[in-house]
């Protein structure tokens, strides 16, 4: 199983808020933190599924 250390993430909640602000989207730091956690967890689940899928080998 793949795990990612939260301190080693490339996008911080502050950076996500700045990026979204450029596109006129408002998000609090707490919401950005939740969104990034969801996205990272979804990416890990997806990657684990691909790595376990015998059809992909």
C-alpha atoms as a PDB file:
ATOM      1  CA  UNK A   1       0.000   0.000   0.000  1.00  0.00           C
ATOM      2  CA  UNK A   2       1.277   3.447  -0.908  1.00  0.00           C
ATOM      3  CA  UNK A   3       1.327   6.185   1.723  1.00  0.00           C
ATOM      4  CA  UNK A   4       2.227   9.847   1.295  1.00  0.00           C
ATOM      5  CA  UNK A   5       3.589  11.891   4.155  1.00  0.00           C
ATOM      6  CA  UNK A   6       1.432  15.064   4.487  1.00  0.00           C
ATOM      7  CA  UNK A   7       4.564  17.177   4.987  1.00  0.00           C
ATOM      8  CA  UNK A   8       5.907  16.087   1.582  1.00  0.00           C
ATOM      9  CA  UNK A   9       2.914  17.208  -0.453  1.00  0.00           C
ATOM     10  CA  UNK A  10       3.681  19.608  -3.292  1.00  0.00           C
ATOM     11  CA  UNK A  11       0.535  21.711  -3.012  1.00  0.00           C
ATOM     12  CA  UNK A  12      -0.176  23.431   0.301  1.00  0.00           C
ATOM     13  CA  UNK A  13      -3.639  24.644   1.280  1.00  0.00           C
ATOM     14  CA  UNK A  14      -2.345  28.212   0.992  1.00  0.00           C
ATOM     15  CA  UNK A  15      -1.129  27.576  -2.555  1.00  0.00           C
ATOM     16  CA  UNK A  16      -4.456  25.949  -3.498  1.00  0.00           C
ATOM     17  CA  UNK A  17      -6.341  29.006  -2.212  1.00  0.00           C
ATOM     18  CA  UNK A  18      -4.063  31.319  -4.251  1.00  0.00           C
ATOM     19  CA  UNK A  19      -4.550  29.243  -7.404  1.00  0.00           C
ATOM     20  CA  UNK A  20      -8.329  29.158  -7.005  1.00  0.00           C
ATOM     21  CA  UNK A  21      -8.417  32.904  -6.295  1.00  0.00           C
ATOM     22  CA  UNK A  22      -6.899  33.534  -9.740  1.00  0.00           C
ATOM     23  CA  UNK A  23      -9.999  31.879 -11.220  1.00  0.00           C
ATOM     24  CA  UNK A  24     -12.422  33.845  -9.017  1.00  0.00           C
ATOM     25  CA  UNK A  25     -13.112  30.839  -6.794  1.00  0.00           C
ATOM     26  CA  UNK A  26     -13.222  31.456  -3.052  1.00  0.00           C
ATOM     27  CA  UNK A  27     -12.169  28.765  -0.599  1.00  0.00           C
ATOM     28  CA  UNK A  28     -11.077  28.916   3.023  1.00  0.00           C
ATOM     29  CA  UNK A  29      -7.874  27.283   4.240  1.00  0.00           C
ATOM     30  CA  UNK A  30      -9.918  24.649   6.077  1.00  0.00           C
ATOM     31  CA  UNK A  31     -11.852  23.816   2.906  1.00  0.00           C
ATOM     32  CA  UNK A  32      -8.628  23.702   0.888  1.00  0.00           C
ATOM     33  CA  UNK A  33      -7.101  21.343   3.444  1.00  0.00           C
ATOM     34  CA  UNK A  34     -10.120  19.026   3.170  1.00  0.00           C
ATOM     35  CA  UNK A  35     -10.103  19.186  -0.630  1.00  0.00           C
ATOM     36  CA  UNK A  36      -6.388  18.346  -0.809  1.00  0.00           C
ATOM     37  CA  UNK A  37      -6.767  15.479   1.674  1.00  0.00           C
ATOM     38  CA  UNK A  38      -9.584  14.067  -0.450  1.00  0.00           C
ATOM     39  CA  UNK A  39      -7.607  14.449  -3.671  1.00  0.00           C
ATOM     40  CA  UNK A  40      -4.460  12.840  -2.262  1.00  0.00           C
ATOM     41  CA  UNK A  41      -6.441   9.969  -0.735  1.00  0.00           C
ATOM     42  CA  UNK A  42      -8.322   9.428  -3.999  1.00  0.00           C
ATOM     43  CA  UNK A  43      -5.031   9.406  -5.927  1.00  0.00           C
ATOM     44  CA  UNK A  44      -3.557   6.832  -3.536  1.00  0.00           C
ATOM     45  CA  UNK A  45      -6.648   4.608  -3.819  1.00  0.00           C
ATOM     46  CA  UNK A  46      -6.568   4.860  -7.607  1.00  0.00           C
ATOM     47  CA  UNK A  47      -2.878   4.063  -7.809  1.00  0.00           C
ATOM     48  CA  UNK A  48      -3.222   1.110  -5.443  1.00  0.00           C
ATOM     49  CA  UNK A  49      -6.089  -0.240  -7.547  1.00  0.00           C
ATOM     50  CA  UNK A  50      -4.068   0.032 -10.755  1.00  0.00           C
ATOM     51  CA  UNK A  51      -1.058  -1.649  -9.165  1.00  0.00           C
ATOM     52  CA  UNK A  52      -3.201  -4.548  -7.897  1.00  0.00           C
ATOM     53  CA  UNK A  53      -5.119  -5.026 -11.158  1.00  0.00           C
ATOM     54  CA  UNK A  54      -3.720  -8.044 -13.016  1.00  0.00           C
ATOM     55  CA  UNK A  55      -5.166  -6.796 -16.317  1.00  0.00           C
ATOM     56  CA  UNK A  56      -2.753  -3.850 -16.207  1.00  0.00           C
ATOM     57  CA  UNK A  57       0.331  -6.105 -16.174  1.00  0.00           C
END
